[in-house]
Amino acid sequence: NNFTLKLRKKMCADISSALYYLHNDIKICHNDIRSPNIFICSLNDNSEIVAKIGDFGLAAKLEHQAERRKTICGTPNYLAPEIINNVGHSYEVDVWSLGVIM
């Protein structure tokens, strides 16, 4: 594995920061956080590596903080229990999927 502990921590911090922005500032639940949707980038030759989230094809805009979605979507290996059990889900499914990646 080419990812050092330092790089994994940086990636987790970057993705957590992006999820905070999505969830709190623009009220979007990504619904498909998984390894292929995380992009490792460098802004220029001298910059630090940055992790970014992509592929918003399954993302949903939530109208209010307590809104729960019942749509079963995402990639099977990354699905949160709330989706599998069809009890309604929200932003927590993105955090679950981040934990699966890390």
N, C-alpha and C. Protein backbone atom coordinates (compact mmCIF):
# COMPACT_ATOMS: atom_id res chain seq x y z
N ASN A 1 0.84 -1.18 0.00
CA ASN A 1 0.00 0.00 0.00
C ASN A 1 0.88 1.24 0.00
N ASN A 2 0.60 2.18 -0.89
CA ASN A 2 1.42 3.37 -1.06
C ASN A 2 1.03 4.53 -0.14
N PHE A 3 -0.05 4.41 0.60
CA PHE A 3 -0.51 5.51 1.43
C PHE A 3 0.04 5.41 2.84
N THR A 4 0.85 6.38 3.22
CA THR A 4 1.40 6.42 4.56
C THR A 4 0.33 6.85 5.55
N LEU A 5 0.58 6.64 6.82
CA LEU A 5 -0.37 7.07 7.85
C LEU A 5 -0.59 8.58 7.77
N LYS A 6 0.47 9.33 7.53
CA LYS A 6 0.36 10.79 7.43
C LYS A 6 -0.57 11.18 6.27
N LEU A 7 -0.42 10.50 5.13
CA LEU A 7 -1.27 10.80 3.98
C LEU A 7 -2.72 10.39 4.25
N ARG A 8 -2.93 9.26 4.91
CA ARG A 8 -4.29 8.84 5.25
C ARG A 8 -4.97 9.85 6.17
N LYS A 9 -4.23 10.36 7.15
CA LYS A 9 -4.78 11.37 8.06
C LYS A 9 -5.16 12.63 7.29
N LYS A 10 -4.30 13.04 6.37
CA LYS A 10 -4.56 14.23 5.56
C LYS A 10 -5.79 14.02 4.69
N MET A 11 -5.90 12.85 4.06
CA MET A 11 -7.05 12.54 3.23
C MET A 11 -8.33 12.54 4.05
N CYS A 12 -8.29 11.95 5.24
CA CYS A 12 -9.46 11.91 6.12
C CYS A 12 -9.88 13.32 6.52
N ALA A 13 -8.90 14.16 6.84
CA ALA A 13 -9.20 15.55 7.21
C ALA A 13 -9.79 16.32 6.03
N ASP A 14 -9.24 16.14 4.84
CA ASP A 14 -9.75 16.83 3.65
C ASP A 14 -11.18 16.41 3.34
N ILE A 15 -11.43 15.11 3.37
CA ILE A 15 -12.77 14.60 3.06
C ILE A 15 -13.76 15.01 4.14
N SER A 16 -13.34 14.97 5.39
CA SER A 16 -14.21 15.41 6.50
C SER A 16 -14.58 16.88 6.33
N SER A 17 -13.61 17.68 5.96
CA SER A 17 -13.86 19.11 5.74
C SER A 17 -14.84 19.31 4.58
N ALA A 18 -14.66 18.55 3.51
CA ALA A 18 -15.58 18.65 2.36
C ALA A 18 -16.99 18.21 2.75
N LEU A 19 -17.10 17.14 3.54
CA LEU A 19 -18.42 16.67 3.98
C LEU A 19 -19.07 17.70 4.90
N TYR A 20 -18.29 18.33 5.76
CA TYR A 20 -18.83 19.37 6.62
C TYR A 20 -19.44 20.48 5.76
N TYR A 21 -18.72 20.90 4.73
CA TYR A 21 -19.23 21.93 3.82
C TYR A 21 -20.51 21.47 3.13
N LEU A 22 -20.49 20.25 2.57
CA LEU A 22 -21.68 19.73 1.88
C LEU A 22 -22.89 19.66 2.81
N HIS A 23 -22.69 19.11 3.99
CA HIS A 23 -23.79 18.87 4.92
C HIS A 23 -24.31 20.14 5.59
N ASN A 24 -23.41 21.00 6.02
CA ASN A 24 -23.81 22.16 6.82
C ASN A 24 -24.03 23.44 6.02
N ASP A 25 -23.24 23.64 4.99
CA ASP A 25 -23.34 24.89 4.24
C ASP A 25 -24.32 24.82 3.06
N ILE A 26 -24.31 23.71 2.32
CA ILE A 26 -25.18 23.65 1.14
C ILE A 26 -26.20 22.52 1.20
N LYS A 27 -26.26 21.81 2.34
CA LYS A 27 -27.31 20.82 2.62
C LYS A 27 -27.40 19.71 1.56
N ILE A 28 -26.24 19.15 1.19
CA ILE A 28 -26.21 18.07 0.22
C ILE A 28 -25.67 16.80 0.86
N CYS A 29 -26.38 15.70 0.64
CA CYS A 29 -25.93 14.37 1.05
C CYS A 29 -25.39 13.70 -0.21
N HIS A 30 -24.14 13.30 -0.21
CA HIS A 30 -23.49 12.75 -1.39
C HIS A 30 -24.05 11.37 -1.77
N ASN A 31 -24.26 10.51 -0.80
CA ASN A 31 -24.85 9.18 -0.97
C ASN A 31 -23.97 8.15 -1.68
N ASP A 32 -22.76 8.50 -2.07
CA ASP A 32 -21.90 7.53 -2.75
C ASP A 32 -20.43 7.81 -2.49
N ILE A 33 -20.09 8.07 -1.23
CA ILE A 33 -18.69 8.25 -0.86
C ILE A 33 -18.02 6.87 -0.92
N ARG A 34 -17.04 6.74 -1.79
CA ARG A 34 -16.30 5.49 -1.96
C ARG A 34 -14.98 5.82 -2.61
N SER A 35 -14.05 4.89 -2.54
CA SER A 35 -12.69 5.14 -3.02
C SER A 35 -12.63 5.72 -4.43
N PRO A 36 -13.36 5.15 -5.42
CA PRO A 36 -13.26 5.72 -6.77
C PRO A 36 -13.79 7.16 -6.90
N ASN A 37 -14.53 7.62 -5.91
CA ASN A 37 -15.07 8.98 -5.96
C ASN A 37 -14.24 9.98 -5.15
N ILE A 38 -13.09 9.53 -4.67
CA ILE A 38 -12.15 10.41 -3.97
C ILE A 38 -10.97 10.62 -4.90
N PHE A 39 -10.70 11.88 -5.20
CA PHE A 39 -9.61 12.22 -6.11
C PHE A 39 -8.45 12.81 -5.34
N ILE A 40 -7.26 12.30 -5.58
CA ILE A 40 -6.05 12.79 -4.95
C ILE A 40 -5.39 13.76 -5.94
N CYS A 41 -5.25 15.00 -5.52
CA CYS A 41 -4.78 16.05 -6.42
C CYS A 41 -3.60 16.80 -5.81
N SER A 42 -2.86 17.45 -6.68
CA SER A 42 -1.82 18.37 -6.28
C SER A 42 -2.07 19.66 -7.06
N LEU A 43 -2.13 20.77 -6.36
CA LEU A 43 -2.46 22.03 -7.03
C LEU A 43 -1.33 22.52 -7.93
N ASN A 44 -0.08 22.25 -7.55
CA ASN A 44 1.08 22.55 -8.39
C ASN A 44 2.23 21.66 -7.92
N ASP A 45 3.36 21.76 -8.54
CA ASP A 45 4.49 20.87 -8.23
C ASP A 45 4.97 20.96 -6.79
N ASN A 46 4.81 22.10 -6.16
CA ASN A 46 5.32 22.29 -4.81
C ASN A 46 4.27 22.13 -3.72
N SER A 47 3.03 21.89 -4.11
CA SER A 47 1.96 21.88 -3.10
C SER A 47 1.77 20.51 -2.47
N GLU A 48 1.11 20.54 -1.38
CA GLU A 48 0.74 19.33 -0.66
C GLU A 48 -0.40 18.63 -1.41
N ILE A 49 -0.50 17.34 -1.21
CA ILE A 49 -1.57 16.57 -1.83
C ILE A 49 -2.91 16.92 -1.16
N VAL A 50 -3.97 16.99 -1.97
CA VAL A 50 -5.31 17.32 -1.50
C VAL A 50 -6.27 16.24 -1.96
N ALA A 51 -7.17 15.81 -1.08
CA ALA A 51 -8.22 14.85 -1.45
C ALA A 51 -9.51 15.62 -1.71
N LYS A 52 -10.17 15.29 -2.81
CA LYS A 52 -11.41 15.96 -3.19
C LYS A 52 -12.48 14.91 -3.49
N ILE A 53 -13.74 15.30 -3.29
CA ILE A 53 -14.87 14.41 -3.56
C ILE A 53 -15.41 14.70 -4.96
N GLY A 54 -15.73 13.64 -5.70
CA GLY A 54 -16.31 13.80 -7.02
C GLY A 54 -17.52 12.91 -7.20
N ASP A 55 -18.09 12.90 -8.39
CA ASP A 55 -19.25 12.11 -8.80
C ASP A 55 -20.46 12.35 -7.90
N PHE A 56 -21.19 13.38 -8.21
CA PHE A 56 -22.37 13.75 -7.43
C PHE A 56 -23.66 13.23 -8.06
N GLY A 57 -23.55 12.16 -8.84
CA GLY A 57 -24.70 11.61 -9.53
C GLY A 57 -25.80 11.09 -8.62
N LEU A 58 -25.47 10.64 -7.41
CA LEU A 58 -26.48 10.15 -6.46
C LEU A 58 -26.75 11.14 -5.33
N ALA A 59 -26.15 12.32 -5.41
CA ALA A 59 -26.30 13.31 -4.35
C ALA A 59 -27.74 13.82 -4.28
N ALA A 60 -28.14 14.24 -3.08
CA ALA A 60 -29.49 14.76 -2.86
C ALA A 60 -29.41 16.02 -2.01
N LYS A 61 -30.17 17.02 -2.42
CA LYS A 61 -30.30 18.25 -1.64
C LYS A 61 -31.38 18.02 -0.60
N LEU A 62 -31.05 18.26 0.66
CA LEU A 62 -32.01 18.10 1.75
C LEU A 62 -32.55 19.47 2.13
N GLU A 63 -33.86 19.57 2.24
CA GLU A 63 -34.50 20.85 2.50
C GLU A 63 -34.34 21.32 3.95
N HIS A 64 -34.28 20.39 4.89
CA HIS A 64 -34.10 20.76 6.29
C HIS A 64 -33.26 19.70 7.00
N GLN A 65 -32.68 20.07 8.11
CA GLN A 65 -31.72 19.23 8.84
C GLN A 65 -32.30 17.88 9.26
N ALA A 66 -33.57 17.81 9.57
CA ALA A 66 -34.18 16.57 10.06
C ALA A 66 -34.72 15.68 8.93
N GLU A 67 -34.58 16.11 7.68
CA GLU A 67 -35.12 15.32 6.56
C GLU A 67 -34.41 13.97 6.46
N ARG A 68 -35.20 12.94 6.21
CA ARG A 68 -34.68 11.57 6.07
C ARG A 68 -35.05 11.06 4.69
N ARG A 69 -34.10 10.47 3.99
CA ARG A 69 -34.32 9.91 2.66
C ARG A 69 -34.60 8.42 2.80
N LYS A 70 -35.42 7.88 1.92
CA LYS A 70 -35.72 6.44 1.93
C LYS A 70 -35.20 5.75 0.66
N THR A 71 -34.55 6.51 -0.20
CA THR A 71 -34.03 5.96 -1.44
C THR A 71 -32.87 5.01 -1.15
N ILE A 72 -32.94 3.82 -1.71
CA ILE A 72 -31.83 2.88 -1.56
C ILE A 72 -30.89 3.11 -2.72
N CYS A 73 -29.73 3.72 -2.41
CA CYS A 73 -28.76 4.01 -3.46
C CYS A 73 -27.37 3.94 -2.86
N GLY A 74 -26.38 3.82 -3.72
CA GLY A 74 -25.00 3.74 -3.28
C GLY A 74 -24.37 2.44 -3.74
N THR A 75 -23.14 2.24 -3.33
CA THR A 75 -22.38 1.05 -3.69
C THR A 75 -22.45 0.07 -2.53
N PRO A 76 -22.84 -1.19 -2.80
CA PRO A 76 -23.11 -2.16 -1.72
C PRO A 76 -22.07 -2.23 -0.60
N ASN A 77 -20.79 -2.27 -0.91
CA ASN A 77 -19.77 -2.41 0.14
C ASN A 77 -19.63 -1.18 1.03
N TYR A 78 -20.22 -0.08 0.64
CA TYR A 78 -20.09 1.18 1.38
C TYR A 78 -21.40 1.62 2.04
N LEU A 79 -22.46 0.83 1.91
CA LEU A 79 -23.78 1.23 2.40
C LEU A 79 -23.85 1.24 3.93
N ALA A 80 -24.43 2.29 4.45
CA ALA A 80 -24.65 2.42 5.89
C ALA A 80 -25.85 1.56 6.30
N PRO A 81 -25.89 1.14 7.57
CA PRO A 81 -27.00 0.32 8.06
C PRO A 81 -28.37 0.98 7.85
N GLU A 82 -28.44 2.30 7.93
CA GLU A 82 -29.72 3.01 7.74
C GLU A 82 -30.28 2.78 6.34
N ILE A 83 -29.40 2.68 5.35
CA ILE A 83 -29.85 2.43 3.98
C ILE A 83 -30.27 0.97 3.83
N ILE A 84 -29.46 0.07 4.33
CA ILE A 84 -29.75 -1.37 4.22
C ILE A 84 -31.06 -1.71 4.91
N ASN A 85 -31.29 -1.14 6.09
CA ASN A 85 -32.49 -1.42 6.87
C ASN A 85 -33.69 -0.57 6.45
N ASN A 86 -33.48 0.35 5.52
CA ASN A 86 -34.54 1.21 4.98
C ASN A 86 -35.33 1.95 6.07
N VAL A 87 -34.59 2.50 7.04
CA VAL A 87 -35.24 3.24 8.13
C VAL A 87 -35.19 4.75 7.92
N GLY A 88 -34.67 5.16 6.80
CA GLY A 88 -34.49 6.58 6.52
C GLY A 88 -33.07 7.00 6.87
N HIS A 89 -32.49 7.80 6.02
CA HIS A 89 -31.10 8.21 6.24
C HIS A 89 -30.89 9.66 5.84
N SER A 90 -29.77 10.15 6.28
CA SER A 90 -29.40 11.53 6.00
C SER A 90 -27.88 11.60 5.85
N TYR A 91 -27.29 12.66 6.36
CA TYR A 91 -25.86 12.91 6.20
C TYR A 91 -24.98 11.82 6.82
N GLU A 92 -25.49 11.09 7.80
CA GLU A 92 -24.66 10.09 8.48
C GLU A 92 -24.17 9.00 7.54
N VAL A 93 -24.87 8.78 6.43
CA VAL A 93 -24.43 7.73 5.50
C VAL A 93 -23.10 8.10 4.84
N ASP A 94 -22.85 9.38 4.64
CA ASP A 94 -21.57 9.82 4.08
C ASP A 94 -20.45 9.60 5.07
N VAL A 95 -20.71 9.86 6.33
CA VAL A 95 -19.70 9.66 7.37
C VAL A 95 -19.40 8.16 7.52
N TRP A 96 -20.43 7.32 7.46
CA TRP A 96 -20.22 5.87 7.51
C TRP A 96 -19.30 5.43 6.37
N SER A 97 -19.60 5.89 5.17
CA SER A 97 -18.81 5.50 4.00
C SER A 97 -17.36 5.97 4.11
N LEU A 98 -17.15 7.15 4.67
CA LEU A 98 -15.77 7.62 4.90
C LEU A 98 -15.05 6.66 5.84
N GLY A 99 -15.75 6.19 6.87
CA GLY A 99 -15.14 5.23 7.80
C GLY A 99 -14.77 3.93 7.10
N VAL A 100 -15.59 3.49 6.16
CA VAL A 100 -15.29 2.28 5.39
C VAL A 100 -14.01 2.48 4.58
N ILE A 101 -13.86 3.64 3.98
CA ILE A 101 -12.68 3.93 3.17
C ILE A 101 -11.42 3.94 4.03
N MET A 102 -11.49 4.60 5.17
CA MET A 102 -10.31 4.76 6.00
C MET A 102 -9.96 3.47 6.71
